[in-house]
Amino acid sequence: DGVSLSVRAGEVFGLLGPNGAGKTTMINVLATLLSPTAGSASVAGHDV
């Protein structure tokens, strides 16, 4: 629901939360396994 974040190159970035928080949904969007309803995301300079 309107999540924004930025990950720097070369860092370990943690997504912390309980079951059902939306962590795996976020990963699935960033890995192109799920299309977002709204907003934008890019990985390694490429739009997902």
ModelCIF file with pLDDT and N, C-alpha, C, O atoms, coordinates in Angstrom:
data_MODEL
#
_entry.id   MODEL 
#
_entity.id                         1 
_entity.type                       polymer 
_entity.pdbx_number_of_molecules   1 
#
_entity_poly.entity_id                      1 
_entity_poly.type                           'polypeptide(L)' 
_entity_poly.nstd_linkage                   no 
_entity_poly.nstd_monomer                   no 
_entity_poly.pdbx_seq_one_letter_code       DGVSLSVRAGEVFGLLGPNGAGKTTMINVLATLLSPTAGSASVAGHDV 
_entity_poly.pdbx_seq_one_letter_code_can   DGVSLSVRAGEVFGLLGPNGAGKTTMINVLATLLSPTAGSASVAGHDV 
_entity_poly.pdbx_strand_id                 A 
#
loop_
_entity_poly_seq.entity_id 
_entity_poly_seq.num 
_entity_poly_seq.mon_id 
_entity_poly_seq.hetero 
1 1  ASP n 
1 2  GLY n 
1 3  VAL n 
1 4  SER n 
1 5  LEU n 
1 6  SER n 
1 7  VAL n 
1 8  ARG n 
1 9  ALA n 
1 10 GLY n 
1 11 GLU n 
1 12 VAL n 
1 13 PHE n 
1 14 GLY n 
1 15 LEU n 
1 16 LEU n 
1 17 GLY n 
1 18 PRO n 
1 19 ASN n 
1 20 GLY n 
1 21 ALA n 
1 22 GLY n 
1 23 LYS n 
1 24 THR n 
1 25 THR n 
1 26 MET n 
1 27 ILE n 
1 28 ASN n 
1 29 VAL n 
1 30 LEU n 
1 31 ALA n 
1 32 THR n 
1 33 LEU n 
1 34 LEU n 
1 35 SER n 
1 36 PRO n 
1 37 THR n 
1 38 ALA n 
1 39 GLY n 
1 40 SER n 
1 41 ALA n 
1 42 SER n 
1 43 VAL n 
1 44 ALA n 
1 45 GLY n 
1 46 HIS n 
1 47 ASP n 
1 48 VAL n 
#
_struct_asym.id          A 
_struct_asym.entity_id   1 
#
loop_
_ma_qa_metric.id 
_ma_qa_metric.mode 
_ma_qa_metric.name 
_ma_qa_metric.software_group_id 
_ma_qa_metric.type 
1 global pLDDT . pLDDT 
2 local  pLDDT . pLDDT 
#
_ma_qa_metric_global.metric_id      1 
_ma_qa_metric_global.metric_value   93.25 
_ma_qa_metric_global.model_id       1 
_ma_qa_metric_global.ordinal_id     1 
#
loop_
_ma_qa_metric_local.label_asym_id 
_ma_qa_metric_local.label_comp_id 
_ma_qa_metric_local.label_seq_id 
_ma_qa_metric_local.metric_id 
_ma_qa_metric_local.metric_value 
_ma_qa_metric_local.model_id 
_ma_qa_metric_local.ordinal_id 
A ASP 1  2 93.00 1 1  
A GLY 2  2 93.00 1 2  
A VAL 3  2 93.00 1 3  
A SER 4  2 94.00 1 4  
A LEU 5  2 94.00 1 5  
A SER 6  2 93.00 1 6  
A VAL 7  2 95.00 1 7  
A ARG 8  2 93.00 1 8  
A ALA 9  2 92.00 1 9  
A GLY 10 2 91.00 1 10 
A GLU 11 2 93.00 1 11 
A VAL 12 2 94.00 1 12 
A PHE 13 2 96.00 1 13 
A GLY 14 2 94.00 1 14 
A LEU 15 2 93.00 1 15 
A LEU 16 2 90.00 1 16 
A GLY 17 2 88.00 1 17 
A PRO 18 2 85.00 1 18 
A ASN 19 2 85.00 1 19 
A GLY 20 2 87.00 1 20 
A ALA 21 2 89.00 1 21 
A GLY 22 2 92.00 1 22 
A LYS 23 2 93.00 1 23 
A THR 24 2 92.00 1 24 
A THR 25 2 94.00 1 25 
A MET 26 2 95.00 1 26 
A ILE 27 2 94.00 1 27 
A ASN 28 2 94.00 1 28 
A VAL 29 2 96.00 1 29 
A LEU 30 2 96.00 1 30 
A ALA 31 2 94.00 1 31 
A THR 32 2 95.00 1 32 
A LEU 33 2 94.00 1 33 
A LEU 34 2 94.00 1 34 
A SER 35 2 94.00 1 35 
A PRO 36 2 95.00 1 36 
A THR 37 2 96.00 1 37 
A ALA 38 2 96.00 1 38 
A GLY 39 2 95.00 1 39 
A SER 40 2 94.00 1 40 
A ALA 41 2 96.00 1 41 
A SER 42 2 95.00 1 42 
A VAL 43 2 96.00 1 43 
A ALA 44 2 93.00 1 44 
A GLY 45 2 92.00 1 45 
A HIS 46 2 95.00 1 46 
A ASP 47 2 95.00 1 47 
A VAL 48 2 96.00 1 48 
#
loop_
_atom_site.group_PDB 
_atom_site.id 
_atom_site.type_symbol 
_atom_site.label_atom_id 
_atom_site.label_alt_id 
_atom_site.label_comp_id 
_atom_site.label_asym_id 
_atom_site.label_entity_id 
_atom_site.label_seq_id 
_atom_site.pdbx_PDB_ins_code 
_atom_site.Cartn_x 
_atom_site.Cartn_y 
_atom_site.Cartn_z 
_atom_site.occupancy 
_atom_site.B_iso_or_equiv 
_atom_site.pdbx_formal_charge 
_atom_site.auth_seq_id 
_atom_site.auth_comp_id 
_atom_site.auth_asym_id 
_atom_site.auth_atom_id 
_atom_site.pdbx_PDB_model_num 
ATOM 1   N N  . ASP A 1 1  ? 0.826  -1.203  0.000   1.00 93.00 ? 1  ASP A N  1 
ATOM 2   C CA . ASP A 1 1  ? 0.000  0.000   0.000   1.00 93.00 ? 1  ASP A CA 1 
ATOM 3   C C  . ASP A 1 1  ? 0.865  1.259   0.000   1.00 93.00 ? 1  ASP A C  1 
ATOM 4   O O  . ASP A 1 1  ? 0.996  1.943   1.015   1.00 93.00 ? 1  ASP A O  1 
ATOM 5   N N  . GLY A 1 2  ? 1.456  1.551   -1.175  1.00 93.00 ? 2  GLY A N  1 
ATOM 6   C CA . GLY A 1 2  ? 2.227  2.779   -1.320  1.00 93.00 ? 2  GLY A CA 1 
ATOM 7   C C  . GLY A 1 2  ? 3.626  2.719   -0.728  1.00 93.00 ? 2  GLY A C  1 
ATOM 8   O O  . GLY A 1 2  ? 4.090  3.702   -0.151  1.00 93.00 ? 2  GLY A O  1 
ATOM 9   N N  . VAL A 1 3  ? 4.301  1.594   -0.858  1.00 93.00 ? 3  VAL A N  1 
ATOM 10  C CA . VAL A 1 3  ? 5.642  1.428   -0.285  1.00 93.00 ? 3  VAL A CA 1 
ATOM 11  C C  . VAL A 1 3  ? 6.689  2.076   -1.191  1.00 93.00 ? 3  VAL A C  1 
ATOM 12  O O  . VAL A 1 3  ? 6.655  1.921   -2.412  1.00 93.00 ? 3  VAL A O  1 
ATOM 13  N N  . SER A 1 4  ? 7.615  2.801   -0.573  1.00 94.00 ? 4  SER A N  1 
ATOM 14  C CA . SER A 1 4  ? 8.759  3.371   -1.293  1.00 94.00 ? 4  SER A CA 1 
ATOM 15  C C  . SER A 1 4  ? 10.036 2.982   -0.565  1.00 94.00 ? 4  SER A C  1 
ATOM 16  O O  . SER A 1 4  ? 10.082 2.975   0.665   1.00 94.00 ? 4  SER A O  1 
ATOM 17  N N  . LEU A 1 5  ? 11.072 2.660   -1.330  1.00 94.00 ? 5  LEU A N  1 
ATOM 18  C CA . LEU A 1 5  ? 12.367 2.347   -0.731  1.00 94.00 ? 5  LEU A CA 1 
ATOM 19  C C  . LEU A 1 5  ? 13.448 2.446   -1.792  1.00 94.00 ? 5  LEU A C  1 
ATOM 20  O O  . LEU A 1 5  ? 13.172 2.448   -2.991  1.00 94.00 ? 5  LEU A O  1 
ATOM 21  N N  . SER A 1 6  ? 14.686 2.529   -1.322  1.00 93.00 ? 6  SER A N  1 
ATOM 22  C CA . SER A 1 6  ? 15.836 2.616   -2.210  1.00 93.00 ? 6  SER A CA 1 
ATOM 23  C C  . SER A 1 6  ? 16.947 1.744   -1.657  1.00 93.00 ? 6  SER A C  1 
ATOM 24  O O  . SER A 1 6  ? 17.257 1.805   -0.467  1.00 93.00 ? 6  SER A O  1 
ATOM 25  N N  . VAL A 1 7  ? 17.553 0.928   -2.523  1.00 95.00 ? 7  VAL A N  1 
ATOM 26  C CA . VAL A 1 7  ? 18.644 0.041   -2.119  1.00 95.00 ? 7  VAL A CA 1 
ATOM 27  C C  . VAL A 1 7  ? 19.908 0.456   -2.860  1.00 95.00 ? 7  VAL A C  1 
ATOM 28  O O  . VAL A 1 7  ? 19.917 0.554   -4.087  1.00 95.00 ? 7  VAL A O  1 
ATOM 29  N N  . ARG A 1 8  ? 20.969 0.697   -2.106  1.00 93.00 ? 8  ARG A N  1 
ATOM 30  C CA . ARG A 1 8  ? 22.229 1.097   -2.715  1.00 93.00 ? 8  ARG A CA 1 
ATOM 31  C C  . ARG A 1 8  ? 22.962 -0.113  -3.267  1.00 93.00 ? 8  ARG A C  1 
ATOM 32  O O  . ARG A 1 8  ? 22.805 -1.229  -2.771  1.00 93.00 ? 8  ARG A O  1 
ATOM 33  N N  . ALA A 1 9  ? 23.759 0.116   -4.289  1.00 92.00 ? 9  ALA A N  1 
ATOM 34  C CA . ALA A 1 9  ? 24.567 -0.959  -4.850  1.00 92.00 ? 9  ALA A CA 1 
ATOM 35  C C  . ALA A 1 9  ? 25.565 -1.461  -3.826  1.00 92.00 ? 9  ALA A C  1 
ATOM 36  O O  . ALA A 1 9  ? 26.231 -0.672  -3.157  1.00 92.00 ? 9  ALA A O  1 
ATOM 37  N N  . GLY A 1 10 ? 25.667 -2.787  -3.706  1.00 91.00 ? 10 GLY A N  1 
ATOM 38  C CA . GLY A 1 10 ? 26.656 -3.396  -2.844  1.00 91.00 ? 10 GLY A CA 1 
ATOM 39  C C  . GLY A 1 10 ? 26.281 -3.528  -1.390  1.00 91.00 ? 10 GLY A C  1 
ATOM 40  O O  . GLY A 1 10 ? 27.123 -3.916  -0.580  1.00 91.00 ? 10 GLY A O  1 
ATOM 41  N N  . GLU A 1 11 ? 25.043 -3.220  -1.020  1.00 93.00 ? 11 GLU A N  1 
ATOM 42  C CA . GLU A 1 11 ? 24.641 -3.348  0.376   1.00 93.00 ? 11 GLU A CA 1 
ATOM 43  C C  . GLU A 1 11 ? 23.704 -4.528  0.579   1.00 93.00 ? 11 GLU A C  1 
ATOM 44  O O  . GLU A 1 11 ? 23.094 -5.025  -0.368  1.00 93.00 ? 11 GLU A O  1 
ATOM 45  N N  . VAL A 1 12 ? 23.599 -4.967  1.828   1.00 94.00 ? 12 VAL A N  1 
ATOM 46  C CA . VAL A 1 12 ? 22.595 -5.943  2.220   1.00 94.00 ? 12 VAL A CA 1 
ATOM 47  C C  . VAL A 1 12 ? 21.439 -5.168  2.829   1.00 94.00 ? 12 VAL A C  1 
ATOM 48  O O  . VAL A 1 12 ? 21.599 -4.471  3.831   1.00 94.00 ? 12 VAL A O  1 
ATOM 49  N N  . PHE A 1 13 ? 20.280 -5.299  2.216   1.00 96.00 ? 13 PHE A N  1 
ATOM 50  C CA . PHE A 1 13 ? 19.107 -4.525  2.615   1.00 96.00 ? 13 PHE A CA 1 
ATOM 51  C C  . PHE A 1 13 ? 18.068 -5.491  3.170   1.00 96.00 ? 13 PHE A C  1 
ATOM 52  O O  . PHE A 1 13 ? 17.744 -6.492  2.531   1.00 96.00 ? 13 PHE A O  1 
ATOM 53  N N  . GLY A 1 14 ? 17.548 -5.197  4.348   1.00 94.00 ? 14 GLY A N  1 
ATOM 54  C CA . GLY A 1 14 ? 16.606 -6.091  4.999   1.00 94.00 ? 14 GLY A CA 1 
ATOM 55  C C  . GLY A 1 14 ? 15.165 -5.624  4.904   1.00 94.00 ? 14 GLY A C  1 
ATOM 56  O O  . GLY A 1 14 ? 14.865 -4.457  5.156   1.00 94.00 ? 14 GLY A O  1 
ATOM 57  N N  . LEU A 1 15 ? 14.263 -6.549  4.534   1.00 93.00 ? 15 LEU A N  1 
ATOM 58  C CA . LEU A 1 15 ? 12.825 -6.325  4.622   1.00 93.00 ? 15 LEU A CA 1 
ATOM 59  C C  . LEU A 1 15 ? 12.326 -7.152  5.792   1.00 93.00 ? 15 LEU A C  1 
ATOM 60  O O  . LEU A 1 15 ? 12.294 -8.381  5.720   1.00 93.00 ? 15 LEU A O  1 
ATOM 61  N N  . LEU A 1 16 ? 11.938 -6.490  6.859   1.00 90.00 ? 16 LEU A N  1 
ATOM 62  C CA . LEU A 1 16 ? 11.574 -7.158  8.099   1.00 90.00 ? 16 LEU A CA 1 
ATOM 63  C C  . LEU A 1 16 ? 10.088 -6.998  8.356   1.00 90.00 ? 16 LEU A C  1 
ATOM 64  O O  . LEU A 1 16 ? 9.534  -5.908  8.208   1.00 90.00 ? 16 LEU A O  1 
ATOM 65  N N  . GLY A 1 17 ? 9.443  -8.096  8.743   1.00 88.00 ? 17 GLY A N  1 
ATOM 66  C CA . GLY A 1 17 ? 8.024  -8.017  9.059   1.00 88.00 ? 17 GLY A CA 1 
ATOM 67  C C  . GLY A 1 17 ? 7.448  -9.384  9.331   1.00 88.00 ? 17 GLY A C  1 
ATOM 68  O O  . GLY A 1 17 ? 8.078  -10.393 9.012   1.00 88.00 ? 17 GLY A O  1 
ATOM 69  N N  . PRO A 1 18 ? 6.255  -9.444  9.918   1.00 85.00 ? 18 PRO A N  1 
ATOM 70  C CA . PRO A 1 18 ? 5.631  -10.727 10.234  1.00 85.00 ? 18 PRO A CA 1 
ATOM 71  C C  . PRO A 1 18 ? 5.076  -11.404 8.988   1.00 85.00 ? 18 PRO A C  1 
ATOM 72  O O  . PRO A 1 18 ? 5.087  -10.819 7.904   1.00 85.00 ? 18 PRO A O  1 
ATOM 73  N N  . ASN A 1 19 ? 4.597  -12.621 9.136   1.00 85.00 ? 19 ASN A N  1 
ATOM 74  C CA . ASN A 1 19 ? 3.924  -13.310 8.032   1.00 85.00 ? 19 ASN A CA 1 
ATOM 75  C C  . ASN A 1 19 ? 2.755  -12.469 7.542   1.00 85.00 ? 19 ASN A C  1 
ATOM 76  O O  . ASN A 1 19 ? 1.997  -11.914 8.337   1.00 85.00 ? 19 ASN A O  1 
ATOM 77  N N  . GLY A 1 20 ? 2.618  -12.382 6.211   1.00 87.00 ? 20 GLY A N  1 
ATOM 78  C CA . GLY A 1 20 ? 1.516  -11.625 5.640   1.00 87.00 ? 20 GLY A CA 1 
ATOM 79  C C  . GLY A 1 20 ? 1.733  -10.132 5.562   1.00 87.00 ? 20 GLY A C  1 
ATOM 80  O O  . GLY A 1 20 ? 0.817  -9.387  5.214   1.00 87.00 ? 20 GLY A O  1 
ATOM 81  N N  . ALA A 1 21 ? 2.955  -9.679  5.888   1.00 89.00 ? 21 ALA A N  1 
ATOM 82  C CA . ALA A 1 21 ? 3.218  -8.239  5.892   1.00 89.00 ? 21 ALA A CA 1 
ATOM 83  C C  . ALA A 1 21 ? 3.330  -7.666  4.489   1.00 89.00 ? 21 ALA A C  1 
ATOM 84  O O  . ALA A 1 21 ? 3.095  -6.476  4.283   1.00 89.00 ? 21 ALA A O  1 
ATOM 85  N N  . GLY A 1 22 ? 3.693  -8.518  3.509   1.00 92.00 ? 22 GLY A N  1 
ATOM 86  C CA . GLY A 1 22 ? 3.882  -8.036  2.144   1.00 92.00 ? 22 GLY A CA 1 
ATOM 87  C C  . GLY A 1 22 ? 5.299  -8.197  1.644   1.00 92.00 ? 22 GLY A C  1 
ATOM 88  O O  . GLY A 1 22 ? 5.625  -7.724  0.556   1.00 92.00 ? 22 GLY A O  1 
ATOM 89  N N  . LYS A 1 23 ? 6.159  -8.863  2.423   1.00 93.00 ? 23 LYS A N  1 
ATOM 90  C CA . LYS A 1 23 ? 7.576  -9.003  2.049   1.00 93.00 ? 23 LYS A CA 1 
ATOM 91  C C  . LYS A 1 23 ? 7.738  -9.806  0.760   1.00 93.00 ? 23 LYS A C  1 
ATOM 92  O O  . LYS A 1 23 ? 8.419  -9.366  -0.165  1.00 93.00 ? 23 LYS A O  1 
ATOM 93  N N  . THR A 1 24 ? 7.117  -10.974 0.699   1.00 92.00 ? 24 THR A N  1 
ATOM 94  C CA . THR A 1 24 ? 7.256  -11.811 -0.486  1.00 92.00 ? 24 THR A CA 1 
ATOM 95  C C  . THR A 1 24 ? 6.597  -11.162 -1.697  1.00 92.00 ? 24 THR A C  1 
ATOM 96  O O  . THR A 1 24 ? 7.079  -11.314 -2.820  1.00 92.00 ? 24 THR A O  1 
ATOM 97  N N  . THR A 1 25 ? 5.500  -10.439 -1.481  1.00 94.00 ? 25 THR A N  1 
ATOM 98  C CA . THR A 1 25 ? 4.869  -9.711  -2.583  1.00 94.00 ? 25 THR A CA 1 
ATOM 99  C C  . THR A 1 25 ? 5.843  -8.692  -3.173  1.00 94.00 ? 25 THR A C  1 
ATOM 100 O O  . THR A 1 25 ? 5.938  -8.546  -4.391  1.00 94.00 ? 25 THR A O  1 
ATOM 101 N N  . MET A 1 26 ? 6.557  -7.998  -2.309  1.00 95.00 ? 26 MET A N  1 
ATOM 102 C CA . MET A 1 26 ? 7.557  -7.031  -2.778  1.00 95.00 ? 26 MET A CA 1 
ATOM 103 C C  . MET A 1 26 ? 8.632  -7.726  -3.610  1.00 95.00 ? 26 MET A C  1 
ATOM 104 O O  . MET A 1 26 ? 8.994  -7.249  -4.686  1.00 95.00 ? 26 MET A O  1 
ATOM 105 N N  . ILE A 1 27 ? 9.145  -8.861  -3.107  1.00 94.00 ? 27 ILE A N  1 
ATOM 106 C CA . ILE A 1 27 ? 10.171 -9.593  -3.843  1.00 94.00 ? 27 ILE A CA 1 
ATOM 107 C C  . ILE A 1 27 ? 9.644  -10.063 -5.193  1.00 94.00 ? 27 ILE A C  1 
ATOM 108 O O  . ILE A 1 27 ? 10.352 -9.991  -6.197  1.00 94.00 ? 27 ILE A O  1 
ATOM 109 N N  . ASN A 1 28 ? 8.407  -10.543 -5.219  1.00 94.00 ? 28 ASN A N  1 
ATOM 110 C CA . ASN A 1 28 ? 7.825  -11.025 -6.478  1.00 94.00 ? 28 ASN A CA 1 
ATOM 111 C C  . ASN A 1 28 ? 7.688  -9.910  -7.507  1.00 94.00 ? 28 ASN A C  1 
ATOM 112 O O  . ASN A 1 28 ? 7.851  -10.153 -8.703  1.00 94.00 ? 28 ASN A O  1 
ATOM 113 N N  . VAL A 1 29 ? 7.392  -8.700  -7.063  1.00 96.00 ? 29 VAL A N  1 
ATOM 114 C CA . VAL A 1 29 ? 7.329  -7.568  -7.991  1.00 96.00 ? 29 VAL A CA 1 
ATOM 115 C C  . VAL A 1 29 ? 8.723  -7.242  -8.514  1.00 96.00 ? 29 VAL A C  1 
ATOM 116 O O  . VAL A 1 29 ? 8.907  -7.049  -9.716  1.00 96.00 ? 29 VAL A O  1 
ATOM 117 N N  . LEU A 1 30 ? 9.703  -7.180  -7.621  1.00 96.00 ? 30 LEU A N  1 
ATOM 118 C CA . LEU A 1 30 ? 11.064 -6.826  -8.025  1.00 96.00 ? 30 LEU A CA 1 
ATOM 119 C C  . LEU A 1 30 ? 11.689 -7.900  -8.910  1.00 96.00 ? 30 LEU A C  1 
ATOM 120 O O  . LEU A 1 30 ? 12.578 -7.609  -9.711  1.00 96.00 ? 30 LEU A O  1 
ATOM 121 N N  . ALA A 1 31 ? 11.226 -9.141  -8.766  1.00 94.00 ? 31 ALA A N  1 
ATOM 122 C CA . ALA A 1 31 ? 11.748 -10.239 -9.594  1.00 94.00 ? 31 ALA A CA 1 
ATOM 123 C C  . ALA A 1 31 ? 10.910 -10.457 -10.853 1.00 94.00 ? 31 ALA A C  1 
ATOM 124 O O  . ALA A 1 31 ? 11.119 -11.434 -11.571 1.00 94.00 ? 31 ALA A O  1 
ATOM 125 N N  . THR A 1 32 ? 9.978  -9.567  -11.123 1.00 95.00 ? 32 THR A N  1 
ATOM 126 C CA . THR A 1 32 ? 9.106  -9.579  -12.315 1.00 95.00 ? 32 THR A CA 1 
ATOM 127 C C  . THR A 1 32 ? 8.135  -10.753 -12.322 1.00 95.00 ? 32 THR A C  1 
ATOM 128 O O  . THR A 1 32 ? 7.618  -11.111 -13.380 1.00 95.00 ? 32 THR A O  1 
ATOM 129 N N  . LEU A 1 33 ? 7.877  -11.358 -11.166 1.00 94.00 ? 33 LEU A N  1 
ATOM 130 C CA . LEU A 1 33 ? 6.919  -12.455 -11.090 1.00 94.00 ? 33 LEU A CA 1 
ATOM 131 C C  . LEU A 1 33 ? 5.495  -11.959 -10.864 1.00 94.00 ? 33 LEU A C  1 
ATOM 132 O O  . LEU A 1 33 ? 4.539  -12.722 -11.001 1.00 94.00 ? 33 LEU A O  1 
ATOM 133 N N  . LEU A 1 34 ? 5.356  -10.694 -10.522 1.00 94.00 ? 34 LEU A N  1 
ATOM 134 C CA . LEU A 1 34 ? 4.051  -10.109 -10.218 1.00 94.00 ? 34 LEU A CA 1 
ATOM 135 C C  . LEU A 1 34 ? 4.059  -8.659  -10.689 1.00 94.00 ? 34 LEU A C  1 
ATOM 136 O O  . LEU A 1 34 ? 5.014  -7.923  -10.438 1.00 94.00 ? 34 LEU A O  1 
ATOM 137 N N  . SER A 1 35 ? 2.995  -8.254  -11.369 1.00 94.00 ? 35 SER A N  1 
ATOM 138 C CA . SER A 1 35 ? 2.906  -6.881  -11.865 1.00 94.00 ? 35 SER A CA 1 
ATOM 139 C C  . SER A 1 35 ? 2.271  -5.982  -10.812 1.00 94.00 ? 35 SER A C  1 
ATOM 140 O O  . SER A 1 35 ? 1.283  -6.369  -10.188 1.00 94.00 ? 35 SER A O  1 
ATOM 141 N N  . PRO A 1 36 ? 2.821  -4.795  -10.606 1.00 95.00 ? 36 PRO A N  1 
ATOM 142 C CA . PRO A 1 36 ? 2.226  -3.887  -9.625  1.00 95.00 ? 36 PRO A CA 1 
ATOM 143 C C  . PRO A 1 36 ? 0.915  -3.292  -10.123 1.00 95.00 ? 36 PRO A C  1 
ATOM 144 O O  . PRO A 1 36 ? 0.697  -3.161  -11.328 1.00 95.00 ? 36 PRO A O  1 
ATOM 145 N N  . THR A 1 37 ? 0.061  -2.940  -9.201  1.00 96.00 ? 37 THR A N  1 
ATOM 146 C CA . THR A 1 37 ? -1.196 -2.276  -9.532  1.00 96.00 ? 37 THR A CA 1 
ATOM 147 C C  . THR A 1 37 ? -0.968 -0.796  -9.805  1.00 96.00 ? 37 THR A C  1 
ATOM 148 O O  . THR A 1 37 ? -1.602 -0.208  -10.680 1.00 96.00 ? 37 THR A O  1 
ATOM 149 N N  . ALA A 1 38 ? -0.057 -0.208  -9.046  1.00 96.00 ? 38 ALA A N  1 
ATOM 150 C CA . ALA A 1 38 ? 0.274  1.208   -9.221  1.00 96.00 ? 38 ALA A CA 1 
ATOM 151 C C  . ALA A 1 38 ? 1.685  1.435   -8.692  1.00 96.00 ? 38 ALA A C  1 
ATOM 152 O O  . ALA A 1 38 ? 2.254  0.576   -8.018  1.00 96.00 ? 38 ALA A O  1 
ATOM 153 N N  . GLY A 1 39 ? 2.245  2.611   -9.008  1.00 95.00 ? 39 GLY A N  1 
ATOM 154 C CA . GLY A 1 39 ? 3.596  2.920   -8.593  1.00 95.00 ? 39 GLY A CA 1 
ATOM 155 C C  . GLY A 1 39 ? 4.618  2.378   -9.579  1.00 95.00 ? 39 GLY A C  1 
ATOM 156 O O  . GLY A 1 39 ? 4.259  1.889   -10.650 1.00 95.00 ? 39 GLY A O  1 
ATOM 157 N N  . SER A 1 40 ? 5.885  2.466   -9.216  1.00 94.00 ? 40 SER A N  1 
ATOM 158 C CA . SER A 1 40 ? 6.961  2.034   -10.110 1.00 94.00 ? 40 SER A CA 1 
ATOM 159 C C  . SER A 1 40 ? 8.072  1.368   -9.316  1.00 94.00 ? 40 SER A C  1 
ATOM 160 O O  . SER A 1 40 ? 8.226  1.592   -8.115  1.00 94.00 ? 40 SER A O  1 
ATOM 161 N N  . ALA A 1 41 ? 8.848  0.538   -10.019 1.00 96.00 ? 41 ALA A N  1 
ATOM 162 C CA . ALA A 1 41 ? 10.007 -0.116  -9.411  1.00 96.00 ? 41 ALA A CA 1 
ATOM 163 C C  . ALA A 1 41 ? 11.033 -0.402  -10.500 1.00 96.00 ? 41 ALA A C  1 
ATOM 164 O O  . ALA A 1 41 ? 10.681 -0.786  -11.615 1.00 96.00 ? 41 ALA A O  1 
ATOM 165 N N  . SER A 1 42 ? 12.293 -0.211  -10.167 1.00 95.00 ? 42 SER A N  1 
ATOM 166 C CA . SER A 1 42 ? 13.372 -0.535  -11.098 1.00 95.00 ? 42 SER A CA 1 
ATOM 167 C C  . SER A 1 42 ? 14.447 -1.305  -10.358 1.00 95.00 ? 42 SER A C  1 
ATOM 168 O O  . SER A 1 42 ? 14.699 -1.066  -9.177  1.00 95.00 ? 42 SER A O  1 
ATOM 169 N N  . VAL A 1 43 ? 15.081 -2.236  -11.069 1.00 96.00 ? 43 VAL A N  1 
ATOM 170 C CA . VAL A 1 43 ? 16.163 -3.060  -10.523 1.00 96.00 ? 43 VAL A CA 1 
ATOM 171 C C  . VAL A 1 43 ? 17.329 -2.998  -11.486 1.00 96.00 ? 43 VAL A C  1 
ATOM 172 O O  . VAL A 1 43 ? 17.162 -3.238  -12.682 1.00 96.00 ? 43 VAL A O  1 
ATOM 173 N N  . ALA A 1 44 ? 18.517 -2.676  -10.976 1.00 93.00 ? 44 ALA A N  1 
ATOM 174 C CA . ALA A 1 44 ? 19.719 -2.546  -11.805 1.00 93.00 ? 44 ALA A CA 1 
ATOM 175 C C  . ALA A 1 44 ? 19.490 -1.594  -12.970 1.00 93.00 ? 44 ALA A C  1 
ATOM 176 O O  . ALA A 1 44 ? 20.026 -1.792  -14.060 1.00 93.00 ? 44 ALA A O  1 
ATOM 177 N N  . GLY A 1 45 ? 18.688 -0.557  -12.730 1.00 92.00 ? 45 GLY A N  1 
ATOM 178 C CA . GLY A 1 45 ? 18.441 0.457   -13.743 1.00 92.00 ? 45 GLY A CA 1 
ATOM 179 C C  . GLY A 1 45 ? 17.365 0.119   -14.744 1.00 92.00 ? 45 GLY A C  1 
ATOM 180 O O  . GLY A 1 45 ? 17.163 0.876   -15.693 1.00 92.00 ? 45 GLY A O  1 
ATOM 181 N N  . HIS A 1 46 ? 16.660 -0.996  -14.570 1.00 95.00 ? 46 HIS A N  1 
ATOM 182 C CA . HIS A 1 46 ? 15.636 -1.427  -15.514 1.00 95.00 ? 46 HIS A CA 1 
ATOM 183 C C  . HIS A 1 46 ? 14.259 -1.470  -14.850 1.00 95.00 ? 46 HIS A C  1 
ATOM 184 O O  . HIS A 1 46 ? 14.112 -1.976  -13.738 1.00 95.00 ? 46 HIS A O  1 
ATOM 185 N N  . ASP A 1 47 ? 13.261 -0.939  -15.540 1.00 95.00 ? 47 ASP A N  1 
ATOM 186 C CA . ASP A 1 47 ? 11.891 -0.961  -15.034 1.00 95.00 ? 47 ASP A CA 1 
ATOM 187 C C  . ASP A 1 47 ? 11.373 -2.393  -15.014 1.00 95.00 ? 47 ASP A C  1 
ATOM 188 O O  . ASP A 1 47 ? 11.536 -3.130  -15.987 1.00 95.00 ? 47 ASP A O  1 
ATOM 189 N N  . VAL A 1 48 ? 10.745 -2.790  -13.899 1.00 96.00 ? 48 VAL A N  1 
ATOM 190 C CA . VAL A 1 48 ? 10.334 -4.184  -13.744 1.00 96.00 ? 48 VAL A CA 1 
ATOM 191 C C  . VAL A 1 48 ? 9.188  -4.576  -14.670 1.00 96.00 ? 48 VAL A C  1 
ATOM 192 O O  . VAL A 1 48 ? 8.739  -5.722  -14.646 1.00 96.00 ? 48 VAL A O  1 
#
